[in-house]
Amino acid sequence: MVNGWFIWILKSRFFLILPFLFCSCIVDNKNKEEHPNVILKNELKSGDIVLRLGNGYFSDIFRSYASKEKKYSHVGVISIEDGITYVYHAEASELTGVGRVKKEVLESFLKEIAIFDFYRLEQLDTVKIAEFVKYHYKKRTPFDLDFNSDDDSEMYCSELVAKAINSLENNELITPTLLLANRKLYGLDDIYLKLRKLN
């Protein structure tokens, strides 16, 4: 029987990184404990980074693909617009592999998520980080199934955020250190270990 998994595998040209597709989390219906250190939304600002660990099977797989610290499975950028806190992130369907840069309210991004944290890059104009991801949202930049960090026409979740940070004053603060099938990829910990944790 041909299902979404099979179709995705046929479409993929990079079989070894199947788990990377699942930056998006599969949410289960179990009761989750409330996050013990919820940050007040009025402490967040545009350009802050939010990371989460999803509840699904593939979130654990994606978490295992980190350079050093295996803590989260997905990442996005905060943007405050007309008093509403949004998250911009690159996400693909777990069934089809089709996705793009998305915009989601923070409450939805963190719904039923027990493990999440916020990070900030200090001393630079972080609003430009938000402008970078908004540009790719408006452009409808597709999710990068090839996980090619050298091509900006498509982006995977950690690539989008790393390049948003690096767009500040041509800064190369975030470098890809995860090596998989002779490709250098941006691990989530390549990003947040260079930033200050807010909560």
N, C-alpha and C. Protein backbone atom coordinates (compact mmCIF):
# COMPACT_ATOMS: atom_id res chain seq x y z
N MET A 1 0.85 -1.18 0.00
CA MET A 1 0.00 0.00 0.00
C MET A 1 0.89 1.24 0.00
N VAL A 2 0.61 2.16 -0.88
CA VAL A 2 1.39 3.39 -0.96
C VAL A 2 0.81 4.39 0.03
N ASN A 3 1.61 4.79 0.99
CA ASN A 3 1.14 5.79 1.95
C ASN A 3 2.05 7.00 1.89
N GLY A 4 1.79 7.97 2.77
CA GLY A 4 2.57 9.20 2.76
C GLY A 4 4.05 8.97 2.99
N TRP A 5 4.37 8.01 3.85
CA TRP A 5 5.79 7.71 4.11
C TRP A 5 6.48 7.27 2.84
N PHE A 6 5.85 6.34 2.14
CA PHE A 6 6.46 5.79 0.94
C PHE A 6 6.64 6.88 -0.11
N ILE A 7 5.62 7.71 -0.28
CA ILE A 7 5.69 8.80 -1.24
C ILE A 7 6.83 9.73 -0.89
N TRP A 8 6.97 10.05 0.40
CA TRP A 8 8.05 10.96 0.80
C TRP A 8 9.41 10.35 0.52
N ILE A 9 9.56 9.05 0.82
CA ILE A 9 10.85 8.40 0.61
C ILE A 9 11.19 8.39 -0.88
N LEU A 10 10.19 8.18 -1.72
CA LEU A 10 10.45 8.22 -3.15
C LEU A 10 10.88 9.61 -3.61
N LYS A 11 10.29 10.64 -3.03
CA LYS A 11 10.60 12.01 -3.43
C LYS A 11 11.95 12.48 -2.89
N SER A 12 12.37 11.90 -1.79
CA SER A 12 13.60 12.37 -1.15
C SER A 12 14.82 11.90 -1.91
N ARG A 13 15.79 12.79 -2.04
CA ARG A 13 17.06 12.41 -2.67
C ARG A 13 18.16 12.26 -1.64
N PHE A 14 17.80 12.27 -0.38
CA PHE A 14 18.81 12.26 0.68
C PHE A 14 18.33 11.36 1.81
N PHE A 15 18.35 10.06 1.57
CA PHE A 15 17.71 9.08 2.43
C PHE A 15 18.24 9.06 3.86
N LEU A 16 19.52 9.32 4.04
CA LEU A 16 20.11 9.17 5.37
C LEU A 16 19.61 10.17 6.39
N ILE A 17 18.98 11.25 5.94
CA ILE A 17 18.55 12.26 6.90
C ILE A 17 17.05 12.32 7.04
N LEU A 18 16.39 11.19 6.79
CA LEU A 18 14.95 11.13 6.98
C LEU A 18 14.50 11.76 8.29
N PRO A 19 15.17 11.48 9.41
CA PRO A 19 14.71 12.09 10.68
C PRO A 19 14.72 13.60 10.68
N PHE A 20 15.56 14.25 9.85
CA PHE A 20 15.60 15.70 9.88
C PHE A 20 14.32 16.34 9.40
N LEU A 21 13.56 15.61 8.61
CA LEU A 21 12.31 16.16 8.13
C LEU A 21 11.39 16.52 9.27
N PHE A 22 11.58 15.84 10.37
CA PHE A 22 10.61 15.96 11.45
C PHE A 22 11.01 17.01 12.46
N CYS A 23 11.42 18.18 11.94
CA CYS A 23 11.57 19.33 12.82
C CYS A 23 10.23 19.61 13.46
N SER A 24 9.16 19.40 12.69
CA SER A 24 7.82 19.58 13.24
C SER A 24 7.55 18.45 14.20
N CYS A 25 6.76 18.74 15.21
CA CYS A 25 6.50 17.76 16.25
C CYS A 25 5.17 17.08 16.04
N ILE A 26 5.13 15.79 16.34
CA ILE A 26 3.87 15.06 16.34
C ILE A 26 3.33 15.15 17.75
N VAL A 27 2.19 15.78 17.92
CA VAL A 27 1.65 16.02 19.26
C VAL A 27 0.79 14.85 19.67
N ASP A 28 1.04 14.30 20.84
CA ASP A 28 0.16 13.24 21.33
C ASP A 28 -0.86 13.83 22.29
N ASN A 29 -1.77 13.01 22.76
CA ASN A 29 -2.87 13.51 23.58
C ASN A 29 -2.64 13.30 25.07
N LYS A 30 -1.44 12.92 25.46
CA LYS A 30 -1.16 12.72 26.88
C LYS A 30 -1.15 14.06 27.59
N ASN A 31 -1.50 14.04 28.89
CA ASN A 31 -1.42 15.28 29.67
C ASN A 31 0.04 15.64 29.89
N LYS A 32 0.38 16.87 29.65
CA LYS A 32 1.75 17.34 29.82
C LYS A 32 1.82 18.29 31.00
N GLU A 33 2.92 18.20 31.72
CA GLU A 33 3.11 19.13 32.82
C GLU A 33 3.35 20.52 32.26
N GLU A 34 2.89 21.52 32.99
CA GLU A 34 3.13 22.89 32.57
C GLU A 34 4.60 23.20 32.71
N HIS A 35 5.13 23.96 31.76
CA HIS A 35 6.54 24.34 31.79
C HIS A 35 6.83 25.08 33.09
N PRO A 36 7.85 24.66 33.83
CA PRO A 36 8.09 25.26 35.14
C PRO A 36 8.61 26.69 35.10
N ASN A 37 9.17 27.11 33.97
CA ASN A 37 9.78 28.44 33.89
C ASN A 37 9.20 29.25 32.75
N VAL A 38 7.90 29.33 32.66
CA VAL A 38 7.28 30.07 31.58
C VAL A 38 7.69 31.54 31.68
N ILE A 39 8.22 32.06 30.59
CA ILE A 39 8.65 33.46 30.59
C ILE A 39 7.45 34.33 30.27
N LEU A 40 7.38 35.47 30.90
CA LEU A 40 6.30 36.41 30.59
C LEU A 40 6.48 36.91 29.16
N LYS A 41 5.38 36.92 28.43
CA LYS A 41 5.46 37.33 27.03
C LYS A 41 5.99 38.75 26.88
N ASN A 42 5.75 39.60 27.88
CA ASN A 42 6.22 40.98 27.74
C ASN A 42 7.74 41.09 27.91
N GLU A 43 8.41 39.99 28.25
CA GLU A 43 9.88 39.99 28.32
C GLU A 43 10.50 39.62 26.98
N LEU A 44 9.71 39.08 26.07
CA LEU A 44 10.23 38.69 24.77
C LEU A 44 10.30 39.89 23.84
N LYS A 45 11.22 39.80 22.88
CA LYS A 45 11.29 40.85 21.86
C LYS A 45 11.55 40.21 20.51
N SER A 46 11.25 40.94 19.47
CA SER A 46 11.47 40.43 18.12
C SER A 46 12.93 40.07 17.94
N GLY A 47 13.15 38.88 17.35
CA GLY A 47 14.51 38.38 17.14
C GLY A 47 14.94 37.38 18.18
N ASP A 48 14.17 37.22 19.27
CA ASP A 48 14.48 36.16 20.23
C ASP A 48 14.25 34.81 19.57
N ILE A 49 14.90 33.80 20.09
CA ILE A 49 14.83 32.45 19.54
C ILE A 49 14.08 31.56 20.52
N VAL A 50 13.16 30.73 20.00
CA VAL A 50 12.43 29.78 20.84
C VAL A 50 12.75 28.37 20.34
N LEU A 51 13.05 27.49 21.29
CA LEU A 51 13.31 26.09 20.98
C LEU A 51 12.34 25.23 21.77
N ARG A 52 11.95 24.11 21.17
CA ARG A 52 11.03 23.21 21.85
C ARG A 52 11.43 21.76 21.58
N LEU A 53 10.98 20.89 22.48
CA LEU A 53 11.08 19.45 22.26
C LEU A 53 9.66 18.94 22.10
N GLY A 54 9.36 18.41 20.93
CA GLY A 54 8.02 17.91 20.67
C GLY A 54 7.72 16.64 21.43
N ASN A 55 6.47 16.22 21.35
CA ASN A 55 6.01 15.06 22.10
C ASN A 55 6.03 13.76 21.30
N GLY A 56 6.24 13.84 20.01
CA GLY A 56 6.12 12.67 19.16
C GLY A 56 7.41 11.88 19.02
N TYR A 57 7.27 10.73 18.41
CA TYR A 57 8.39 9.81 18.19
C TYR A 57 9.51 10.47 17.40
N PHE A 58 9.17 11.16 16.34
CA PHE A 58 10.19 11.74 15.48
C PHE A 58 10.89 12.93 16.12
N SER A 59 10.26 13.54 17.10
CA SER A 59 10.93 14.62 17.83
C SER A 59 12.15 14.07 18.57
N ASP A 60 12.02 12.88 19.15
CA ASP A 60 13.17 12.27 19.82
C ASP A 60 14.27 11.92 18.82
N ILE A 61 13.89 11.47 17.64
CA ILE A 61 14.89 11.16 16.62
C ILE A 61 15.62 12.43 16.21
N PHE A 62 14.86 13.49 15.94
CA PHE A 62 15.50 14.73 15.52
C PHE A 62 16.40 15.29 16.62
N ARG A 63 15.95 15.18 17.87
CA ARG A 63 16.76 15.67 18.98
C ARG A 63 18.13 14.97 19.00
N SER A 64 18.17 13.71 18.61
CA SER A 64 19.43 12.97 18.66
C SER A 64 20.44 13.48 17.64
N TYR A 65 19.97 14.23 16.63
CA TYR A 65 20.88 14.80 15.65
C TYR A 65 21.29 16.20 16.09
N ALA A 66 22.25 16.24 16.98
CA ALA A 66 22.80 17.50 17.47
C ALA A 66 24.31 17.33 17.54
N SER A 67 25.00 18.44 17.52
CA SER A 67 26.45 18.37 17.55
C SER A 67 26.97 17.97 18.92
N LYS A 68 26.37 18.55 19.98
CA LYS A 68 26.86 18.30 21.33
C LYS A 68 25.73 17.97 22.29
N GLU A 69 24.82 18.91 22.46
CA GLU A 69 23.77 18.76 23.46
C GLU A 69 22.45 18.39 22.77
N LYS A 70 21.85 17.29 23.20
CA LYS A 70 20.64 16.77 22.56
C LYS A 70 19.43 17.11 23.42
N LYS A 71 18.92 18.33 23.25
CA LYS A 71 17.90 18.85 24.16
C LYS A 71 16.58 19.19 23.47
N TYR A 72 16.62 19.72 22.25
CA TYR A 72 15.42 20.20 21.57
C TYR A 72 15.26 19.51 20.21
N SER A 73 14.07 19.70 19.61
CA SER A 73 13.82 19.12 18.30
C SER A 73 13.41 20.14 17.24
N HIS A 74 13.15 21.39 17.62
CA HIS A 74 12.67 22.38 16.66
C HIS A 74 13.00 23.79 17.15
N VAL A 75 13.10 24.73 16.20
CA VAL A 75 13.49 26.09 16.54
C VAL A 75 12.74 27.09 15.67
N GLY A 76 12.49 28.27 16.24
CA GLY A 76 11.84 29.35 15.50
C GLY A 76 12.30 30.70 16.02
N VAL A 77 11.85 31.75 15.34
CA VAL A 77 12.22 33.12 15.69
C VAL A 77 10.97 33.88 16.12
N ILE A 78 11.07 34.61 17.23
CA ILE A 78 9.97 35.42 17.76
C ILE A 78 9.86 36.73 16.99
N SER A 79 8.61 37.12 16.75
CA SER A 79 8.34 38.44 16.16
C SER A 79 7.10 39.01 16.82
N ILE A 80 7.23 40.21 17.41
CA ILE A 80 6.09 40.88 18.05
C ILE A 80 5.47 41.81 17.02
N GLU A 81 4.21 41.56 16.68
CA GLU A 81 3.52 42.34 15.65
C GLU A 81 2.15 42.77 16.16
N ASP A 82 1.95 44.07 16.30
CA ASP A 82 0.67 44.62 16.80
C ASP A 82 0.27 43.98 18.13
N GLY A 83 1.27 43.81 19.00
CA GLY A 83 1.01 43.26 20.33
C GLY A 83 0.84 41.75 20.39
N ILE A 84 0.96 41.07 19.25
CA ILE A 84 0.81 39.62 19.21
C ILE A 84 2.19 38.99 19.01
N THR A 85 2.47 37.92 19.77
CA THR A 85 3.76 37.25 19.69
C THR A 85 3.64 36.07 18.71
N TYR A 86 4.41 36.16 17.63
CA TYR A 86 4.42 35.12 16.59
C TYR A 86 5.75 34.38 16.60
N VAL A 87 5.72 33.18 16.00
CA VAL A 87 6.94 32.42 15.77
C VAL A 87 7.01 32.11 14.28
N TYR A 88 8.14 32.42 13.67
CA TYR A 88 8.42 32.04 12.29
C TYR A 88 9.34 30.84 12.31
N HIS A 89 8.98 29.81 11.56
CA HIS A 89 9.79 28.60 11.56
C HIS A 89 9.59 27.82 10.26
N ALA A 90 10.58 27.01 9.89
CA ALA A 90 10.49 26.17 8.69
C ALA A 90 10.04 24.78 9.13
N GLU A 91 8.96 24.32 8.50
CA GLU A 91 8.36 23.06 8.93
C GLU A 91 7.80 22.33 7.72
N ALA A 92 7.89 21.00 7.73
CA ALA A 92 7.34 20.17 6.65
C ALA A 92 6.38 19.14 7.21
N SER A 93 5.46 18.71 6.38
CA SER A 93 4.51 17.67 6.77
C SER A 93 5.24 16.35 6.98
N GLU A 94 4.89 15.65 8.06
CA GLU A 94 5.51 14.36 8.32
C GLU A 94 5.02 13.29 7.35
N LEU A 95 3.96 13.55 6.62
CA LEU A 95 3.44 12.57 5.66
C LEU A 95 3.92 12.80 4.23
N THR A 96 4.01 14.06 3.83
CA THR A 96 4.34 14.35 2.43
C THR A 96 5.73 14.93 2.23
N GLY A 97 6.30 15.50 3.27
CA GLY A 97 7.59 16.18 3.13
C GLY A 97 7.47 17.57 2.56
N VAL A 98 6.26 18.01 2.27
CA VAL A 98 6.04 19.34 1.70
C VAL A 98 5.90 20.34 2.84
N GLY A 99 6.58 21.45 2.73
CA GLY A 99 6.49 22.47 3.76
C GLY A 99 7.15 23.75 3.31
N ARG A 100 7.17 24.72 4.23
CA ARG A 100 7.73 26.03 3.91
C ARG A 100 7.94 26.79 5.22
N VAL A 101 8.41 28.01 5.11
CA VAL A 101 8.52 28.88 6.27
C VAL A 101 7.11 29.30 6.67
N LYS A 102 6.79 29.14 7.95
CA LYS A 102 5.45 29.39 8.45
C LYS A 102 5.46 30.46 9.53
N LYS A 103 4.27 31.01 9.78
CA LYS A 103 4.06 32.00 10.85
C LYS A 103 2.95 31.45 11.74
N GLU A 104 3.23 31.42 13.05
CA GLU A 104 2.30 30.81 13.99
C GLU A 104 2.31 31.60 15.30
N VAL A 105 1.17 31.76 15.94
CA VAL A 105 1.17 32.44 17.23
C VAL A 105 1.92 31.58 18.25
N LEU A 106 2.58 32.22 19.19
CA LEU A 106 3.42 31.52 20.15
C LEU A 106 2.65 30.44 20.91
N GLU A 107 1.41 30.75 21.30
CA GLU A 107 0.63 29.79 22.07
C GLU A 107 0.39 28.50 21.28
N SER A 108 0.20 28.64 19.99
CA SER A 108 0.01 27.46 19.14
C SER A 108 1.32 26.69 18.98
N PHE A 109 2.42 27.42 18.79
CA PHE A 109 3.73 26.79 18.63
C PHE A 109 4.10 25.96 19.86
N LEU A 110 3.67 26.41 21.05
CA LEU A 110 4.03 25.73 22.30
C LEU A 110 2.88 24.90 22.89
N LYS A 111 1.81 24.72 22.14
CA LYS A 111 0.65 23.98 22.65
C LYS A 111 1.05 22.55 23.00
N GLU A 112 0.74 22.16 24.24
CA GLU A 112 1.03 20.82 24.77
C GLU A 112 2.52 20.48 24.77
N ILE A 113 3.37 21.49 24.76
CA ILE A 113 4.82 21.29 24.80
C ILE A 113 5.30 21.53 26.22
N ALA A 114 5.98 20.54 26.79
CA ALA A 114 6.47 20.66 28.17
C ALA A 114 7.88 21.23 28.24
N ILE A 115 8.69 20.98 27.23
CA ILE A 115 10.09 21.43 27.26
C ILE A 115 10.29 22.46 26.16
N PHE A 116 10.56 23.69 26.59
CA PHE A 116 10.86 24.77 25.66
C PHE A 116 11.65 25.84 26.40
N ASP A 117 12.40 26.62 25.65
CA ASP A 117 13.19 27.71 26.23
C ASP A 117 13.35 28.82 25.21
N PHE A 118 13.67 30.01 25.73
CA PHE A 118 13.89 31.19 24.91
C PHE A 118 15.34 31.64 25.05
N TYR A 119 15.91 32.11 23.95
CA TYR A 119 17.30 32.55 23.92
C TYR A 119 17.39 33.90 23.21
N ARG A 120 18.45 34.62 23.51
CA ARG A 120 18.63 35.95 22.91
C ARG A 120 20.09 36.17 22.53
N LEU A 121 20.27 36.80 21.38
CA LEU A 121 21.59 37.25 20.95
C LEU A 121 21.77 38.67 21.48
N GLU A 122 22.78 38.89 22.26
CA GLU A 122 23.00 40.20 22.87
C GLU A 122 23.84 41.10 21.98
N GLN A 123 23.68 42.40 22.18
CA GLN A 123 24.55 43.44 21.64
C GLN A 123 24.43 43.68 20.13
N LEU A 124 23.45 43.06 19.48
CA LEU A 124 23.23 43.34 18.08
C LEU A 124 21.75 43.64 17.87
N ASP A 125 21.41 44.24 16.76
CA ASP A 125 20.03 44.62 16.46
C ASP A 125 19.25 43.36 16.06
N THR A 126 18.67 42.70 17.04
CA THR A 126 18.02 41.42 16.78
C THR A 126 16.72 41.56 15.99
N VAL A 127 16.20 42.77 15.86
CA VAL A 127 15.01 42.96 15.02
C VAL A 127 15.30 42.49 13.60
N LYS A 128 16.54 42.62 13.16
CA LYS A 128 16.92 42.19 11.82
C LYS A 128 16.81 40.68 11.66
N ILE A 129 16.94 39.95 12.76
CA ILE A 129 16.74 38.49 12.71
C ILE A 129 15.29 38.21 12.32
N ALA A 130 14.37 38.91 12.95
CA ALA A 130 12.95 38.75 12.63
C ALA A 130 12.66 39.18 11.20
N GLU A 131 13.30 40.24 10.74
CA GLU A 131 13.08 40.70 9.37
C GLU A 131 13.52 39.65 8.35
N PHE A 132 14.61 38.96 8.66
CA PHE A 132 15.11 37.92 7.76
C PHE A 132 14.09 36.79 7.61
N VAL A 133 13.55 36.30 8.71
CA VAL A 133 12.61 35.18 8.62
C VAL A 133 11.27 35.64 8.03
N LYS A 134 10.88 36.89 8.27
CA LYS A 134 9.66 37.42 7.65
C LYS A 134 9.80 37.48 6.13
N TYR A 135 10.97 37.86 5.68
CA TYR A 135 11.23 37.89 4.24
C TYR A 135 11.01 36.50 3.63
N HIS A 136 11.54 35.48 4.29
CA HIS A 136 11.40 34.12 3.76
C HIS A 136 9.98 33.59 3.91
N TYR A 137 9.25 34.10 4.89
CA TYR A 137 7.83 33.75 5.01
C TYR A 137 7.04 34.35 3.85
N LYS A 138 7.27 35.63 3.58
CA LYS A 138 6.56 36.31 2.48
C LYS A 138 6.94 35.71 1.13
N LYS A 139 8.17 35.27 1.02
CA LYS A 139 8.66 34.64 -0.21
C LYS A 139 8.16 33.20 -0.35
N ARG A 140 7.59 32.66 0.74
CA ARG A 140 7.11 31.27 0.79
C ARG A 140 8.25 30.29 0.50
N THR A 141 9.40 30.56 1.13
CA THR A 141 10.57 29.70 0.94
C THR A 141 10.23 28.26 1.35
N PRO A 142 10.44 27.31 0.44
CA PRO A 142 10.08 25.92 0.74
C PRO A 142 11.02 25.27 1.76
N PHE A 143 10.50 24.22 2.38
CA PHE A 143 11.31 23.41 3.29
C PHE A 143 12.36 22.67 2.46
N ASP A 144 13.57 22.61 2.97
CA ASP A 144 14.70 22.03 2.24
C ASP A 144 14.82 20.53 2.54
N LEU A 145 14.29 19.69 1.65
CA LEU A 145 14.37 18.24 1.82
C LEU A 145 15.76 17.70 1.58
N ASP A 146 16.60 18.48 0.89
CA ASP A 146 17.98 18.04 0.63
C ASP A 146 18.93 18.45 1.76
N PHE A 147 18.46 19.30 2.65
CA PHE A 147 19.28 19.79 3.76
C PHE A 147 20.62 20.32 3.26
N ASN A 148 20.52 21.20 2.28
CA ASN A 148 21.69 21.81 1.67
C ASN A 148 21.89 23.19 2.30
N SER A 149 22.85 23.28 3.19
CA SER A 149 23.10 24.52 3.92
C SER A 149 23.71 25.61 3.06
N ASP A 150 24.14 25.26 1.85
CA ASP A 150 24.79 26.24 0.97
C ASP A 150 23.81 26.93 0.04
N ASP A 151 22.53 26.57 0.08
CA ASP A 151 21.54 27.10 -0.85
C ASP A 151 20.40 27.73 -0.06
N ASP A 152 20.16 29.03 -0.29
CA ASP A 152 19.11 29.74 0.46
C ASP A 152 17.74 29.68 -0.21
N SER A 153 17.61 29.00 -1.33
CA SER A 153 16.31 28.96 -2.01
C SER A 153 15.32 28.04 -1.27
N GLU A 154 15.83 27.14 -0.47
CA GLU A 154 15.03 26.27 0.40
C GLU A 154 15.76 26.21 1.74
N MET A 155 15.01 26.04 2.84
CA MET A 155 15.65 26.01 4.15
C MET A 155 14.98 25.03 5.10
N TYR A 156 15.80 24.36 5.90
CA TYR A 156 15.29 23.55 6.99
C TYR A 156 15.30 24.40 8.26
N CYS A 157 14.70 23.91 9.34
CA CYS A 157 14.42 24.77 10.50
C CYS A 157 15.65 25.44 11.09
N SER A 158 16.69 24.67 11.40
CA SER A 158 17.85 25.28 12.04
C SER A 158 18.65 26.13 11.06
N GLU A 159 18.60 25.79 9.77
CA GLU A 159 19.28 26.61 8.77
C GLU A 159 18.65 28.00 8.70
N LEU A 160 17.32 28.07 8.70
CA LEU A 160 16.63 29.36 8.65
C LEU A 160 17.06 30.26 9.80
N VAL A 161 17.09 29.72 11.00
CA VAL A 161 17.42 30.54 12.17
C VAL A 161 18.91 30.89 12.19
N ALA A 162 19.76 29.94 11.86
CA ALA A 162 21.21 30.22 11.83
C ALA A 162 21.53 31.32 10.84
N LYS A 163 20.92 31.25 9.66
CA LYS A 163 21.21 32.26 8.64
C LYS A 163 20.57 33.60 8.99
N ALA A 164 19.48 33.58 9.71
CA ALA A 164 18.88 34.84 10.19
C ALA A 164 19.84 35.53 11.15
N ILE A 165 20.43 34.78 12.06
CA ILE A 165 21.40 35.35 12.99
C ILE A 165 22.64 35.84 12.24
N ASN A 166 23.11 35.04 11.30
CA ASN A 166 24.31 35.40 10.55
C ASN A 166 24.09 36.57 9.61
N SER A 167 22.83 36.92 9.35
CA SER A 167 22.56 38.06 8.46
C SER A 167 22.89 39.40 9.11
N LEU A 168 23.08 39.41 10.42
CA LEU A 168 23.39 40.64 11.13
C LEU A 168 24.82 41.07 10.84
N GLU A 169 24.94 42.15 10.16
CA GLU A 169 26.26 42.73 9.87
C GLU A 169 27.22 41.71 9.26
N ASN A 170 26.69 40.84 8.40
CA ASN A 170 27.49 39.78 7.78
C ASN A 170 28.25 38.96 8.81
N ASN A 171 27.62 38.74 9.93
CA ASN A 171 28.23 38.00 11.03
C ASN A 171 28.18 36.51 10.74
N GLU A 172 29.22 35.78 11.06
CA GLU A 172 29.24 34.32 10.92
C GLU A 172 29.34 33.68 12.31
N LEU A 173 28.47 34.12 13.20
CA LEU A 173 28.48 33.59 14.56
C LEU A 173 28.12 32.11 14.59
N ILE A 174 27.13 31.71 13.78
CA ILE A 174 26.65 30.34 13.79
C ILE A 174 27.27 29.60 12.60
N THR A 175 27.97 28.51 12.88
CA THR A 175 28.56 27.70 11.82
C THR A 175 28.02 26.27 11.94
N PRO A 176 27.85 25.59 10.81
CA PRO A 176 27.35 24.22 10.87
C PRO A 176 28.45 23.26 11.30
N THR A 177 28.19 22.48 12.32
CA THR A 177 29.21 21.54 12.82
C THR A 177 28.75 20.08 12.73
N LEU A 178 27.50 19.88 12.37
CA LEU A 178 26.97 18.52 12.28
C LEU A 178 27.30 17.95 10.90
N LEU A 179 28.01 16.86 10.87
CA LEU A 179 28.41 16.24 9.61
C LEU A 179 27.59 14.98 9.39
N LEU A 180 26.89 14.94 8.27
CA LEU A 180 26.07 13.77 7.94
C LEU A 180 26.14 13.55 6.44
N ALA A 181 26.58 12.35 6.04
CA ALA A 181 26.71 12.00 4.63
C ALA A 181 27.51 13.07 3.87
N ASN A 182 28.63 13.47 4.42
CA ASN A 182 29.54 14.44 3.82
C ASN A 182 28.94 15.82 3.63
N ARG A 183 27.88 16.13 4.36
CA ARG A 183 27.31 17.47 4.33
C ARG A 183 27.39 18.07 5.72
N LYS A 184 27.69 19.37 5.76
CA LYS A 184 27.66 20.08 7.04
C LYS A 184 26.28 20.68 7.23
N LEU A 185 25.66 20.37 8.37
CA LEU A 185 24.33 20.84 8.69
C LEU A 185 24.36 21.65 9.97
N TYR A 186 23.39 22.57 10.10
CA TYR A 186 23.26 23.34 11.32
C TYR A 186 22.47 22.51 12.34
N GLY A 187 23.13 22.11 13.42
CA GLY A 187 22.42 21.47 14.52
C GLY A 187 21.77 22.55 15.38
N LEU A 188 20.73 22.17 16.12
CA LEU A 188 20.07 23.15 16.98
C LEU A 188 21.02 23.71 18.03
N ASP A 189 21.90 22.85 18.54
CA ASP A 189 22.83 23.33 19.57
C ASP A 189 23.92 24.22 18.99
N ASP A 190 24.15 24.16 17.68
CA ASP A 190 25.06 25.13 17.05
C ASP A 190 24.53 26.54 17.24
N ILE A 191 23.21 26.67 17.37
CA ILE A 191 22.57 27.97 17.52
C ILE A 191 22.50 28.39 18.98
N TYR A 192 21.78 27.65 19.80
CA TYR A 192 21.45 28.16 21.13
C TYR A 192 22.63 28.15 22.10
N LEU A 193 23.64 27.34 21.86
CA LEU A 193 24.79 27.36 22.77
C LEU A 193 25.61 28.65 22.62
N LYS A 194 25.33 29.44 21.55
CA LYS A 194 26.01 30.72 21.35
C LYS A 194 25.17 31.89 21.87
N LEU A 195 23.98 31.62 22.43
CA LEU A 195 23.06 32.67 22.84
C LEU A 195 22.85 32.63 24.35
N ARG A 196 22.20 33.68 24.88
CA ARG A 196 21.88 33.74 26.32
C ARG A 196 20.48 33.22 26.55
N LYS A 197 20.36 32.28 27.46
CA LYS A 197 19.05 31.72 27.81
C LYS A 197 18.29 32.74 28.65
N LEU A 198 16.99 32.91 28.34
CA LEU A 198 16.19 33.93 29.02
C LEU A 198 15.43 33.38 30.24
N ASN A 199 15.18 32.11 30.29
CA ASN A 199 14.40 31.59 31.42
C ASN A 199 15.04 30.38 32.05
